[in-house]
Amino acid sequence: MELRNRRFTLACAAAVLLGLVQGSAIAQGVLGKTVAVDAQDEYAQIEVEPSRSAMERLRSPDAQTRFKAADEVLAQPSRYNPAVLFAMSDTLFERGRPQEGVFWFAVANTRAVADAQIITDRTAVPGVVTIRQVFGTRFREHLKTHPQDEWPQVSRAIEWDRANPPQYDRRWLALHGIRAVNSALAAQEGKPDGIDEITVPQAQWAALDEENRKAMLELSRRRHESAQAAPTPAAGSR
């Protein structure tokens, strides 16, 4: 089996969410040590540009750099993986555009969950939870005081997702999993990784995506109906 001459970076689990390094497998090394090894096979083919570059700028300490990056993502949002859309959503909240922030958070969440469903290595899936936590603070705070914003924006997000097919490499999440790390370590030792496929067959993706959309919409609808049915506190009550 041919080894590909591409570099993997093994680091802490959050690093790939924030850096999205090309061909990177992410794991916690011994005592937090970062180790570089060569990728092989399908993992070496996972394309993370332009998402890596956009994420780097969306995490910049300079506000104008973040805002410019968000505008570039908004111009072609289907090109960027969900991690970038989550970060862009957070920047929109920062800029005082909460309705857009809720919408793009919903798009990001829908696509992140869908991408998790097609990955065969289930150890990669918790990366989605990490992304939500890292970039969801403003989203959660907004919905505490504006819960009515969620349902219409989720509904819009589902339709947008259906009408705009992803143009990024949907295998990106596989780089978060243990199998990617083991594959990279096997490559370092000059051995094949023995991994056949890192996703379910592509012929199944469309059906899984539609199931996910329906589930996400139903969950949001139930939250909306529950909030509508909740009694309104009486005036002066605590």
Protein backbone atom coordinates (compact mmCIF):
# COMPACT_ATOMS: atom_id res chain seq x y z
CA MET A 1 0.00 0.00 0.00
CA GLU A 2 1.46 3.34 -1.04
CA LEU A 3 2.30 5.86 1.70
CA ARG A 4 1.58 9.47 0.88
CA ASN A 5 4.13 12.09 1.74
CA ARG A 6 1.90 14.41 3.66
CA ARG A 7 2.23 15.57 7.23
CA PHE A 8 -0.19 14.78 10.06
CA THR A 9 -0.10 16.83 13.24
CA LEU A 10 -1.10 15.02 16.42
CA ALA A 11 -2.11 17.53 19.07
CA CYS A 12 -4.89 18.27 21.54
CA ALA A 13 -8.43 17.45 20.44
CA ALA A 14 -9.54 21.09 20.13
CA ALA A 15 -6.75 22.07 17.75
CA VAL A 16 -8.32 20.77 14.57
CA LEU A 17 -11.54 22.62 15.35
CA LEU A 18 -9.64 25.89 15.49
CA GLY A 19 -6.88 25.26 12.99
CA LEU A 20 -8.11 22.62 10.54
CA VAL A 21 -4.59 21.78 9.40
CA GLN A 22 -4.35 20.09 6.00
CA GLY A 23 -4.16 16.32 6.42
CA SER A 24 -4.15 16.52 10.22
CA ALA A 25 -5.20 13.84 12.66
CA ILE A 26 -5.90 15.16 16.12
CA ALA A 27 -5.28 13.30 19.37
CA GLN A 28 -3.94 13.99 22.84
CA GLY A 29 -0.35 12.91 22.86
CA VAL A 30 1.59 11.71 25.89
CA LEU A 31 1.91 14.64 28.31
CA GLY A 32 0.28 16.83 25.67
CA LYS A 33 3.21 16.42 23.30
CA THR A 34 2.64 17.26 19.61
CA VAL A 35 3.93 14.63 17.19
CA ALA A 36 4.23 14.94 13.38
CA VAL A 37 3.85 11.85 11.19
CA ASP A 38 3.11 11.12 7.53
CA ALA A 39 -0.46 10.54 6.38
CA GLN A 40 -1.56 7.72 4.15
CA ASP A 41 -4.46 6.55 2.03
CA GLU A 42 -7.83 8.28 2.20
CA TYR A 43 -6.95 10.49 5.17
CA ALA A 44 -4.20 12.11 3.12
CA GLN A 45 -6.79 13.05 0.49
CA ILE A 46 -9.09 15.00 2.82
CA GLU A 47 -9.17 18.61 1.61
CA VAL A 48 -9.54 21.30 4.28
CA GLU A 49 -8.89 24.44 2.22
CA PRO A 50 -10.36 27.06 2.09
CA SER A 51 -11.85 26.21 5.49
CA ARG A 52 -8.47 26.14 7.25
CA SER A 53 -7.56 29.62 6.06
CA ALA A 54 -10.98 31.06 6.88
CA MET A 55 -10.93 29.56 10.37
CA GLU A 56 -7.52 31.01 11.06
CA ARG A 57 -8.77 34.49 10.23
CA LEU A 58 -12.07 34.06 12.07
CA ARG A 59 -10.01 33.28 15.19
CA SER A 60 -7.80 36.35 14.75
CA PRO A 61 -7.49 38.73 17.73
CA ASP A 62 -8.08 41.58 15.29
CA ALA A 63 -11.78 42.38 14.90
CA GLN A 64 -11.49 43.75 11.37
CA THR A 65 -9.74 40.56 10.24
CA ARG A 66 -12.58 38.50 11.73
CA PHE A 67 -15.24 40.68 10.11
CA LYS A 68 -13.58 40.54 6.69
CA ALA A 69 -13.25 36.75 6.93
CA ALA A 70 -16.93 36.46 7.86
CA ASP A 71 -17.90 38.51 4.80
CA GLU A 72 -15.82 36.24 2.56
CA VAL A 73 -17.51 33.14 4.01
CA LEU A 74 -20.96 34.72 3.57
CA ALA A 75 -20.19 35.31 -0.11
CA GLN A 76 -19.73 31.55 -0.76
CA PRO A 77 -20.95 29.69 2.33
CA SER A 78 -21.27 26.26 0.70
CA ARG A 79 -17.49 26.15 0.21
CA TYR A 80 -16.82 26.03 3.96
CA ASN A 81 -17.25 23.19 6.39
CA PRO A 82 -19.52 23.49 9.46
CA ALA A 83 -16.72 24.46 11.85
CA VAL A 84 -16.19 27.63 9.81
CA LEU A 85 -19.93 28.35 9.68
CA PHE A 86 -20.12 28.06 13.46
CA ALA A 87 -17.24 30.53 13.82
CA MET A 88 -18.77 32.87 11.25
CA SER A 89 -22.10 32.75 13.12
CA ASP A 90 -20.34 33.79 16.31
CA THR A 91 -18.76 36.74 14.47
CA LEU A 92 -22.20 37.85 13.24
CA PHE A 93 -23.44 37.97 16.84
CA GLU A 94 -20.35 39.99 17.69
CA ARG A 95 -21.26 42.44 14.91
CA GLY A 96 -24.80 42.93 16.23
CA ARG A 97 -26.53 40.77 13.61
CA PRO A 98 -28.24 38.16 15.81
CA GLN A 99 -30.88 36.98 13.33
CA GLU A 100 -28.17 36.07 10.84
CA GLY A 101 -26.16 34.55 13.67
CA VAL A 102 -29.02 32.23 14.64
CA PHE A 103 -29.61 31.27 11.01
CA TRP A 104 -26.00 30.36 10.27
CA PHE A 105 -25.59 28.56 13.58
CA ALA A 106 -28.58 26.43 12.57
CA VAL A 107 -27.06 25.76 9.14
CA ALA A 108 -23.74 24.83 10.74
CA ASN A 109 -25.41 22.54 13.23
CA THR A 110 -27.49 20.81 10.57
CA ARG A 111 -24.43 20.17 8.41
CA ALA A 112 -22.18 19.15 11.29
CA VAL A 113 -24.65 16.50 12.45
CA ALA A 114 -25.14 15.30 8.88
CA ASP A 115 -21.39 15.02 8.36
CA ALA A 116 -21.07 13.10 11.62
CA GLN A 117 -23.64 10.59 10.38
CA ILE A 118 -21.62 9.60 7.32
CA ILE A 119 -18.35 9.03 9.22
CA THR A 120 -17.66 5.40 10.11
CA ASP A 121 -15.29 6.23 13.00
CA ARG A 122 -17.69 7.16 15.80
CA THR A 123 -14.84 8.43 17.99
CA ALA A 124 -14.76 11.49 15.72
CA VAL A 125 -18.37 12.47 16.45
CA PRO A 126 -17.77 14.23 19.83
CA GLY A 127 -15.87 16.86 17.86
CA VAL A 128 -19.24 18.30 16.88
CA VAL A 129 -20.11 18.89 20.54
CA THR A 130 -16.77 20.62 21.05
CA ILE A 131 -17.38 22.95 18.13
CA ARG A 132 -20.81 23.90 19.47
CA GLN A 133 -19.34 24.68 22.87
CA VAL A 134 -16.46 26.75 21.48
CA PHE A 135 -18.57 28.92 19.19
CA GLY A 136 -22.06 28.74 20.73
CA THR A 137 -21.87 31.05 23.73
CA ARG A 138 -23.39 34.10 22.03
CA PHE A 139 -25.98 31.90 20.31
CA ARG A 140 -27.11 30.37 23.61
CA GLU A 141 -27.17 33.72 25.40
CA HIS A 142 -29.28 35.25 22.64
CA LEU A 143 -31.87 32.47 22.73
CA LYS A 144 -32.26 32.84 26.49
CA THR A 145 -33.87 36.23 25.89
CA HIS A 146 -35.15 35.68 22.35
CA PRO A 147 -36.35 32.05 22.21
CA GLN A 148 -38.85 32.97 19.50
CA ASP A 149 -35.97 33.47 17.04
CA GLU A 150 -34.99 29.81 16.87
CA TRP A 151 -37.94 28.19 15.05
CA PRO A 152 -38.17 30.52 12.01
CA GLN A 153 -34.39 30.55 11.55
CA VAL A 154 -34.05 26.77 11.86
CA SER A 155 -36.85 26.38 9.31
CA ARG A 156 -35.00 28.70 6.93
CA ALA A 157 -31.71 26.90 7.60
CA ILE A 158 -33.16 23.51 6.73
CA GLU A 159 -34.48 24.79 3.41
CA TRP A 160 -31.19 26.53 2.66
CA ASP A 161 -29.26 23.35 3.40
CA ARG A 162 -31.52 21.36 1.09
CA ALA A 163 -31.15 23.88 -1.75
CA ASN A 164 -27.37 24.42 -1.47
CA PRO A 165 -25.29 21.23 -1.68
CA PRO A 166 -21.98 21.26 0.24
CA GLN A 167 -18.91 22.12 -1.81
CA TYR A 168 -16.39 21.27 0.94
CA ASP A 169 -14.91 17.84 1.67
CA ARG A 170 -17.45 16.24 3.98
CA ARG A 171 -14.87 13.81 5.34
CA TRP A 172 -13.26 16.61 7.39
CA LEU A 173 -14.65 15.30 10.67
CA ALA A 174 -12.85 11.98 10.25
CA LEU A 175 -9.61 13.79 11.10
CA HIS A 176 -10.89 14.09 14.69
CA GLY A 177 -11.10 10.35 15.26
CA ILE A 178 -8.88 7.65 16.72
CA ARG A 179 -8.77 5.78 13.42
CA ALA A 180 -7.13 8.76 11.70
CA VAL A 181 -4.53 8.87 14.44
CA ASN A 182 -3.87 5.13 14.22
CA SER A 183 -3.59 5.41 10.43
CA ALA A 184 -1.02 8.17 10.78
CA LEU A 185 0.99 6.21 13.33
CA ALA A 186 0.92 3.15 11.07
CA ALA A 187 2.26 5.33 8.24
CA GLN A 188 5.08 6.49 10.50
CA GLU A 189 6.09 2.86 10.95
CA GLY A 190 5.77 2.16 7.23
CA LYS A 191 2.73 -0.06 7.66
CA PRO A 192 -0.70 -0.05 5.94
CA ASP A 193 -3.54 1.08 8.17
CA GLY A 194 -5.99 -1.66 7.21
CA ILE A 195 -8.87 0.83 6.98
CA ASP A 196 -11.23 0.29 4.06
CA GLU A 197 -13.55 3.32 4.10
CA ILE A 198 -13.83 6.31 6.39
CA THR A 199 -17.42 7.10 5.36
CA VAL A 200 -20.50 5.09 4.57
CA PRO A 201 -21.08 4.65 0.80
CA GLN A 202 -21.76 7.98 -0.88
CA ALA A 203 -24.95 6.57 -2.40
CA GLN A 204 -26.43 6.65 1.10
CA TRP A 205 -25.58 10.26 1.88
CA ALA A 206 -28.63 11.96 0.37
CA ALA A 207 -31.10 9.80 2.29
CA LEU A 208 -29.20 10.25 5.54
CA ASP A 209 -29.07 14.01 4.99
CA GLU A 210 -32.81 14.22 4.47
CA GLU A 211 -33.48 12.12 7.57
CA ASN A 212 -31.26 14.50 9.51
CA ARG A 213 -33.07 17.59 8.21
CA LYS A 214 -36.43 16.18 9.24
CA ALA A 215 -35.13 15.25 12.68
CA MET A 216 -33.57 18.68 13.24
CA LEU A 217 -36.74 20.43 12.14
CA GLU A 218 -38.92 18.26 14.35
CA LEU A 219 -36.69 18.89 17.37
CA SER A 220 -36.86 22.63 16.83
CA ARG A 221 -40.63 22.50 16.31
CA ARG A 222 -41.10 20.68 19.60
CA ARG A 223 -38.99 23.24 21.46
CA HIS A 224 -41.01 26.02 19.85
CA GLU A 225 -44.34 24.46 20.80
CA SER A 226 -43.13 23.79 24.33
CA ALA A 227 -42.07 27.41 24.71
CA GLN A 228 -45.42 28.60 23.33
CA ALA A 229 -47.31 26.42 25.80
CA ALA A 230 -45.31 27.55 28.83
CA PRO A 231 -47.33 29.83 31.17
CA THR A 232 -46.39 33.50 31.13
CA PRO A 233 -45.17 34.66 34.57
CA ALA A 234 -47.65 36.94 36.31
CA ALA A 235 -46.71 40.59 36.65
CA GLY A 236 -44.59 41.15 39.71
CA SER A 237 -43.81 37.46 40.16
CA ARG A 238 -40.27 36.30 40.72
